[in-house]
Amino acid sequence: MKKLLLSFAVAALVFSCKNEPKDYATVSGKVTNIDVPADSVVIFNQETNFVKKIKLNEDGTFKDTLKVESGKYTFKIGDEYGTLFLKNNDVINITTDYSKFDENLKFDGSGENVDVNNLVVSAMLFSQNTFSDEAMNKTPEQIQAGKADFEKGVDSLLAKYSNISDSLKNEFKKEMNNSYTGFSEYVAQKQALKNKFIGKPAPTFSMEDINGKKVSSADLKGKPIYVDIWATWCGPCKAEIPSLKKLEEEYGDDIAFVSISVDEPKDKEKWKEFVAEKGLKGYQLTTGSAWNSQFVKDLEVQGIPRFVLIDEQGNILDPDAPRPSSQRINGVLNDLANN
């Protein structure tokens, strides 16, 4: 009988140890089809200076433990980034396909943060669809009229995640509503920008290309110009490169493609190397003064990438034109090329 009681006691002790909260989090996962150099998964929080590198194996798997303060972190794999809510005792497994990183990003494991992380991804994809390039061309009135549908969509999204506390859901709804308000303001500013610039003479420029030769807007008169204002450090800018290359191949005979870098002067060689490495075509220019370029200032550029369409007479057709990845850009360039 004593042996039996002792067995029960040991079993209870083992069970209690297994359920004791751990003072670390476990993060693991697998990323398939990685097509860029990547030897680690980096988890960091810039506000607290926390950085943890986890070895990325050749098959795309990774696993490690880390002691963290409860909160929001960023993880980086290759050139892709994601958000990771994490606290000690969490067991988080991350899986995705690198070719469609965000669309295939999934979290599983244990702890409330599994649902929180999946909600963040779902919300991001939902927001991308709502705040799309096409939506940016709606009127401020149309954007305001769509707010009720947006709020219903957010409620439907939250209903899928039963393990998230009501207080966190309320905070999430507040943030999403703030995002919609910010988007509405952005659309209004974009419309004001169009009203101000369309049909007006475009600011002129004279800038160096990668060979040190000066190229000016006067040299390009007689052709429509599609200007890309970008930088080598800008992720969304680099994401447009494949689509931009396709446009150049299709319309390069009829339209001048001008890429203007706002990289810092000290990064001039880095810019040249990036242009050469990526095989970028068209006119590759640098302002030589980053954001202090008069051309950039005159166009009131506050963020990049920014695309500008200028007609063959040097007048602005669109001060904030569709991006190369937009579904609308081919129709716009077709009209220009066929005039």
Protein backbone atom coordinates (compact mmCIF):
# COMPACT_ATOMS: atom_id res chain seq x y z
CA MET A 1 0.00 0.00 0.00
CA LYS A 2 2.88 2.34 0.87
CA LYS A 3 4.47 1.59 -2.53
CA LEU A 4 1.17 2.41 -4.22
CA LEU A 5 0.88 5.71 -2.34
CA LEU A 6 4.48 6.51 -3.19
CA SER A 7 3.78 5.85 -6.88
CA PHE A 8 0.85 8.23 -6.75
CA ALA A 9 3.01 10.86 -5.06
CA VAL A 10 5.77 10.58 -7.68
CA ALA A 11 3.22 10.73 -10.49
CA ALA A 12 1.68 13.83 -8.98
CA LEU A 13 5.09 15.46 -8.63
CA VAL A 14 6.01 14.68 -12.24
CA PHE A 15 2.63 15.99 -13.43
CA SER A 16 3.03 19.21 -11.47
CA CYS A 17 6.54 19.73 -12.85
CA LYS A 18 5.31 19.27 -16.38
CA ASN A 19 2.71 21.96 -15.86
CA GLU A 20 4.95 24.47 -14.12
CA PRO A 21 5.28 27.60 -16.28
CA LYS A 22 8.64 27.84 -18.01
CA ASP A 23 10.78 30.95 -17.78
CA TYR A 24 11.47 30.86 -21.50
CA ALA A 25 9.62 30.64 -24.80
CA THR A 26 10.17 28.01 -27.47
CA VAL A 27 10.15 29.16 -31.08
CA SER A 28 10.42 26.72 -33.97
CA GLY A 29 9.23 26.36 -37.54
CA LYS A 30 9.92 25.65 -41.15
CA VAL A 31 10.18 27.91 -44.21
CA THR A 32 10.06 26.33 -47.65
CA ASN A 33 11.32 27.61 -51.01
CA ILE A 34 13.77 30.18 -49.65
CA ASP A 35 15.44 31.75 -52.70
CA VAL A 36 17.71 34.30 -50.99
CA PRO A 37 20.78 33.89 -48.75
CA ALA A 38 19.50 33.12 -45.24
CA ASP A 39 21.30 31.30 -42.42
CA SER A 40 19.24 32.43 -39.44
CA VAL A 41 15.90 33.60 -38.13
CA VAL A 42 16.37 36.89 -36.28
CA ILE A 43 13.89 37.83 -33.55
CA PHE A 44 14.24 41.35 -32.21
CA ASN A 45 12.63 44.26 -30.39
CA GLN A 46 14.24 47.60 -31.19
CA GLU A 47 12.74 49.35 -28.17
CA THR A 48 14.36 46.97 -25.68
CA ASN A 49 17.45 46.18 -27.82
CA PHE A 50 16.54 42.48 -27.68
CA VAL A 51 18.07 40.37 -30.47
CA LYS A 52 18.10 36.59 -30.82
CA LYS A 53 19.45 34.67 -33.80
CA ILE A 54 18.20 31.13 -34.38
CA LYS A 55 20.10 28.92 -36.80
CA LEU A 56 18.18 28.21 -40.01
CA ASN A 57 18.95 24.71 -41.24
CA GLU A 58 19.37 23.79 -44.90
CA ASP A 59 15.89 22.24 -44.99
CA GLY A 60 14.34 25.48 -43.72
CA THR A 61 13.73 24.29 -40.17
CA PHE A 62 14.70 26.13 -36.99
CA LYS A 63 14.20 25.79 -33.24
CA ASP A 64 15.48 27.44 -30.06
CA THR A 65 14.45 28.77 -26.68
CA LEU A 66 14.65 32.40 -25.54
CA LYS A 67 13.88 34.36 -22.42
CA VAL A 68 11.69 37.33 -23.24
CA GLU A 69 9.63 40.10 -21.77
CA SER A 70 6.00 39.71 -22.79
CA GLY A 71 5.29 41.84 -25.83
CA LYS A 72 5.55 42.44 -29.55
CA TYR A 73 8.61 41.32 -31.50
CA THR A 74 9.68 41.30 -35.13
CA PHE A 75 11.17 38.29 -36.86
CA LYS A 76 13.23 38.39 -40.05
CA ILE A 77 13.89 35.54 -42.46
CA GLY A 78 15.92 36.48 -45.53
CA ASP A 79 14.36 39.72 -46.81
CA GLU A 80 10.95 39.05 -45.24
CA TYR A 81 9.62 40.33 -41.92
CA GLY A 82 6.78 39.29 -39.63
CA THR A 83 5.26 40.25 -36.29
CA LEU A 84 5.51 37.90 -33.34
CA PHE A 85 3.73 38.35 -30.00
CA LEU A 86 5.66 36.35 -27.44
CA LYS A 87 5.97 35.67 -23.72
CA ASN A 88 7.75 33.12 -21.60
CA ASN A 89 6.11 29.66 -21.54
CA ASP A 90 4.80 30.14 -25.10
CA VAL A 91 5.45 27.38 -27.59
CA ILE A 92 5.22 28.94 -31.03
CA ASN A 93 5.72 27.11 -34.32
CA ILE A 94 5.98 29.24 -37.47
CA THR A 95 5.48 27.87 -40.99
CA THR A 96 5.34 29.56 -44.37
CA ASP A 97 6.35 29.36 -48.01
CA TYR A 98 8.90 32.04 -48.83
CA SER A 99 7.48 32.67 -52.33
CA LYS A 100 4.22 33.90 -50.75
CA PHE A 101 5.47 34.69 -47.28
CA ASP A 102 2.54 36.60 -45.79
CA GLU A 103 -0.23 34.63 -47.47
CA ASN A 104 1.12 31.29 -46.17
CA LEU A 105 2.25 32.43 -42.72
CA LYS A 106 0.74 30.22 -39.98
CA PHE A 107 1.31 29.83 -36.24
CA ASP A 108 0.56 26.86 -34.01
CA GLY A 109 1.68 25.60 -30.61
CA SER A 110 0.34 26.53 -27.18
CA GLY A 111 -0.58 29.73 -25.38
CA GLU A 112 -2.89 32.66 -26.14
CA ASN A 113 -0.30 34.21 -28.42
CA VAL A 114 -0.82 31.50 -31.05
CA ASP A 115 -4.25 32.93 -31.80
CA VAL A 116 -2.96 36.49 -31.42
CA ASN A 117 -0.25 35.92 -34.01
CA ASN A 118 -2.66 34.28 -36.46
CA LEU A 119 -5.08 37.16 -35.95
CA VAL A 120 -2.33 39.67 -36.77
CA VAL A 121 -1.62 37.87 -40.06
CA SER A 122 -5.32 37.63 -40.94
CA ALA A 123 -5.78 41.32 -40.10
CA MET A 124 -2.81 42.28 -42.26
CA LEU A 125 -4.19 40.40 -45.26
CA PHE A 126 -7.65 41.84 -44.61
CA SER A 127 -6.16 45.34 -44.43
CA GLN A 128 -4.13 44.85 -47.60
CA ASN A 129 -7.34 44.02 -49.43
CA THR A 130 -9.22 46.95 -47.87
CA PHE A 131 -6.41 49.50 -48.23
CA SER A 132 -5.44 48.31 -51.71
CA ASP A 133 -3.99 50.33 -54.55
CA GLU A 134 -7.42 50.23 -56.17
CA ALA A 135 -9.10 51.54 -53.02
CA MET A 136 -6.69 54.47 -52.97
CA ASN A 137 -8.33 55.72 -56.15
CA LYS A 138 -11.76 55.98 -54.55
CA THR A 139 -13.09 59.35 -53.46
CA PRO A 140 -12.99 60.31 -49.78
CA GLU A 141 -16.80 60.03 -49.81
CA GLN A 142 -16.63 56.45 -51.08
CA ILE A 143 -14.07 55.55 -48.42
CA GLN A 144 -16.29 56.96 -45.68
CA ALA A 145 -19.31 55.06 -47.03
CA GLY A 146 -17.37 51.79 -46.78
CA LYS A 147 -16.56 52.15 -43.08
CA ALA A 148 -19.57 50.13 -41.88
CA ASP A 149 -18.60 47.15 -44.06
CA PHE A 150 -15.04 47.40 -42.78
CA GLU A 151 -16.23 47.25 -39.16
CA LYS A 152 -18.38 44.19 -39.93
CA GLY A 153 -15.34 42.53 -41.50
CA VAL A 154 -13.27 43.20 -38.38
CA ASP A 155 -16.00 41.67 -36.17
CA SER A 156 -16.13 38.57 -38.37
CA LEU A 157 -12.36 38.27 -38.15
CA LEU A 158 -12.36 38.46 -34.35
CA ALA A 159 -15.11 35.85 -34.06
CA LYS A 160 -12.71 33.23 -35.44
CA TYR A 161 -10.36 33.50 -32.46
CA SER A 162 -12.14 32.37 -29.28
CA ASN A 163 -8.97 32.12 -27.17
CA ILE A 164 -8.25 35.86 -27.30
CA SER A 165 -9.47 37.92 -24.33
CA ASP A 166 -12.21 40.52 -24.78
CA SER A 167 -9.89 43.30 -23.62
CA LEU A 168 -7.35 42.41 -26.31
CA LYS A 169 -10.09 42.18 -28.92
CA ASN A 170 -11.36 45.62 -27.97
CA GLU A 171 -7.85 47.03 -28.25
CA PHE A 172 -7.49 45.36 -31.63
CA LYS A 173 -10.79 46.86 -32.86
CA LYS A 174 -9.61 50.28 -31.75
CA GLU A 175 -6.35 49.91 -33.68
CA MET A 176 -8.16 48.72 -36.81
CA ASN A 177 -10.59 51.65 -36.64
CA ASN A 178 -7.63 54.01 -36.24
CA SER A 179 -6.10 52.42 -39.33
CA TYR A 180 -9.28 53.09 -41.30
CA THR A 181 -9.30 56.70 -40.14
CA GLY A 182 -5.66 57.05 -41.18
CA PHE A 183 -6.44 55.51 -44.55
CA SER A 184 -9.33 57.92 -45.08
CA GLU A 185 -7.03 60.85 -44.32
CA TYR A 186 -4.39 59.47 -46.68
CA VAL A 187 -6.90 59.18 -49.54
CA ALA A 188 -8.02 62.76 -48.93
CA GLN A 189 -4.38 63.93 -49.03
CA LYS A 190 -3.77 61.93 -52.19
CA GLN A 191 -6.79 63.53 -53.85
CA ALA A 192 -5.61 66.99 -52.77
CA LEU A 193 -2.18 66.21 -54.26
CA LYS A 194 -3.76 65.26 -57.59
CA ASN A 195 -5.90 68.38 -57.60
CA LYS A 196 -2.84 70.50 -56.97
CA PHE A 197 -0.46 68.99 -59.54
CA ILE A 198 -2.34 67.37 -62.44
CA GLY A 199 -1.88 69.38 -65.62
CA LYS A 200 0.85 71.60 -64.13
CA PRO A 201 4.44 71.69 -65.46
CA ALA A 202 6.51 69.01 -63.73
CA PRO A 203 9.53 70.07 -61.66
CA THR A 204 12.71 69.69 -63.68
CA PHE A 205 15.69 67.56 -62.69
CA SER A 206 19.33 67.06 -63.64
CA MET A 207 20.96 64.12 -61.86
CA GLU A 208 23.84 61.67 -62.21
CA ASP A 209 23.36 58.14 -63.50
CA ILE A 210 25.48 55.20 -62.30
CA ASN A 211 28.26 56.19 -64.72
CA GLY A 212 28.40 59.75 -63.47
CA LYS A 213 26.71 61.16 -66.58
CA LYS A 214 24.15 63.94 -66.08
CA VAL A 215 20.63 63.18 -67.25
CA SER A 216 18.02 65.92 -67.24
CA SER A 217 14.28 66.01 -67.72
CA ALA A 218 14.90 68.22 -70.79
CA ASP A 219 16.77 65.30 -72.40
CA LEU A 220 13.62 63.17 -72.18
CA LYS A 221 11.06 65.59 -73.58
CA GLY A 222 9.03 64.13 -76.40
CA LYS A 223 8.29 60.93 -74.47
CA PRO A 224 6.02 60.26 -71.52
CA ILE A 225 8.05 59.63 -68.35
CA TYR A 226 7.28 57.13 -65.60
CA VAL A 227 9.31 58.20 -62.55
CA ASP A 228 10.07 55.85 -59.67
CA ILE A 229 11.31 57.58 -56.49
CA TRP A 230 12.87 54.88 -54.30
CA ALA A 231 15.85 53.76 -52.14
CA THR A 232 17.86 50.58 -51.71
CA TRP A 233 16.81 50.34 -48.04
CA CYS A 234 13.08 50.49 -48.86
CA GLY A 235 11.41 47.06 -48.78
CA PRO A 236 8.20 48.07 -50.62
CA CYS A 237 10.35 49.80 -53.26
CA LYS A 238 12.35 46.63 -53.88
CA ALA A 239 9.15 44.58 -54.01
CA GLU A 240 8.09 46.60 -57.07
CA ILE A 241 11.27 45.82 -59.06
CA PRO A 242 10.06 42.62 -60.80
CA SER A 243 6.85 44.33 -61.96
CA LEU A 244 8.78 47.44 -63.00
CA LYS A 245 11.14 45.34 -65.14
CA LYS A 246 8.18 43.80 -66.95
CA LEU A 247 6.75 47.24 -67.70
CA GLU A 248 10.11 48.43 -69.05
CA GLU A 249 10.30 45.43 -71.37
CA GLU A 250 6.80 46.04 -72.68
CA TYR A 251 6.74 49.85 -72.93
CA GLY A 252 10.41 50.88 -72.95
CA ASP A 253 10.34 51.96 -76.62
CA ASP A 254 7.49 54.42 -76.05
CA ILE A 255 7.90 55.54 -72.44
CA ALA A 256 11.00 56.71 -70.56
CA PHE A 257 11.45 54.85 -67.27
CA VAL A 258 13.36 56.94 -64.73
CA SER A 259 14.31 55.60 -61.30
CA ILE A 260 15.51 58.27 -58.86
CA SER A 261 17.23 57.07 -55.69
CA VAL A 262 16.98 59.05 -52.46
CA ASP A 263 19.74 57.02 -50.82
CA GLU A 264 22.16 59.04 -48.69
CA PRO A 265 25.25 60.37 -50.52
CA LYS A 266 27.45 58.11 -48.36
CA ASP A 267 25.61 55.08 -49.81
CA LYS A 268 26.27 56.00 -53.44
CA GLU A 269 28.48 52.96 -54.06
CA LYS A 270 25.94 50.70 -52.40
CA TRP A 271 23.30 52.10 -54.76
CA LYS A 272 25.52 51.50 -57.80
CA GLU A 273 26.21 47.93 -56.72
CA PHE A 274 22.50 47.27 -56.14
CA VAL A 275 21.58 48.60 -59.60
CA ALA A 276 24.24 46.43 -61.22
CA GLU A 277 23.42 43.34 -59.17
CA LYS A 278 19.69 43.53 -59.91
CA GLY A 279 20.24 44.40 -63.58
CA LEU A 280 18.03 47.48 -63.34
CA LYS A 281 17.31 49.17 -66.66
CA GLY A 282 15.94 52.52 -67.74
CA TYR A 283 17.52 55.71 -66.41
CA GLN A 284 19.01 54.97 -62.99
CA LEU A 285 19.66 58.30 -61.26
CA THR A 286 20.53 59.51 -57.77
CA THR A 287 19.50 62.83 -56.25
CA GLY A 288 22.94 63.13 -54.65
CA SER A 289 21.28 64.77 -51.65
CA ALA A 290 18.78 62.14 -50.48
CA TRP A 291 15.45 63.80 -49.55
CA ASN A 292 16.89 67.30 -49.95
CA SER A 293 16.53 67.18 -53.73
CA GLN A 294 14.47 70.09 -55.04
CA PHE A 295 12.67 67.73 -57.40
CA VAL A 296 11.59 65.54 -54.46
CA LYS A 297 10.59 68.55 -52.38
CA ASP A 298 8.63 70.18 -55.20
CA LEU A 299 6.57 67.01 -55.64
CA GLU A 300 5.91 66.94 -51.87
CA VAL A 301 7.19 63.38 -51.55
CA GLN A 302 6.64 62.19 -47.97
CA GLY A 303 7.08 58.46 -48.48
CA ILE A 304 8.42 55.93 -50.96
CA PRO A 305 7.96 54.25 -53.31
CA ARG A 306 6.33 57.12 -55.15
CA PHE A 307 5.57 56.97 -58.86
CA VAL A 308 4.96 60.02 -61.03
CA LEU A 309 3.65 60.19 -64.60
CA ILE A 310 4.75 63.08 -66.82
CA ASP A 311 3.50 63.61 -70.37
CA GLU A 312 5.63 64.26 -73.45
CA GLN A 313 5.25 68.02 -73.02
CA GLY A 314 6.59 67.89 -69.46
CA ASN A 315 3.26 68.27 -67.64
CA ILE A 316 2.18 66.13 -64.70
CA LEU A 317 -0.37 63.47 -65.58
CA ASP A 318 -0.40 61.93 -62.12
CA PRO A 319 1.76 63.01 -59.14
CA ASP A 320 1.03 59.73 -57.33
CA ALA A 321 0.64 57.23 -60.14
CA PRO A 322 -0.25 53.51 -59.82
CA ARG A 323 2.60 51.25 -58.80
CA PRO A 324 4.06 48.73 -61.29
CA SER A 325 2.29 45.91 -59.43
CA SER A 326 -1.09 47.63 -59.72
CA GLN A 327 -3.75 46.06 -61.91
CA ARG A 328 -4.44 49.50 -63.38
CA ILE A 329 -0.95 50.42 -64.58
CA ASN A 330 -1.04 48.53 -67.89
CA GLY A 331 -4.19 50.35 -68.96
CA VAL A 332 -2.62 53.69 -68.08
CA LEU A 333 0.64 52.97 -69.94
CA ASN A 334 -1.23 51.50 -72.92
CA ASP A 335 -3.05 54.78 -73.36
CA LEU A 336 0.25 56.71 -73.20
CA ALA A 337 2.12 54.38 -75.55
CA ASN A 338 -0.65 54.47 -78.16
CA ASN A 339 -1.07 58.26 -78.24
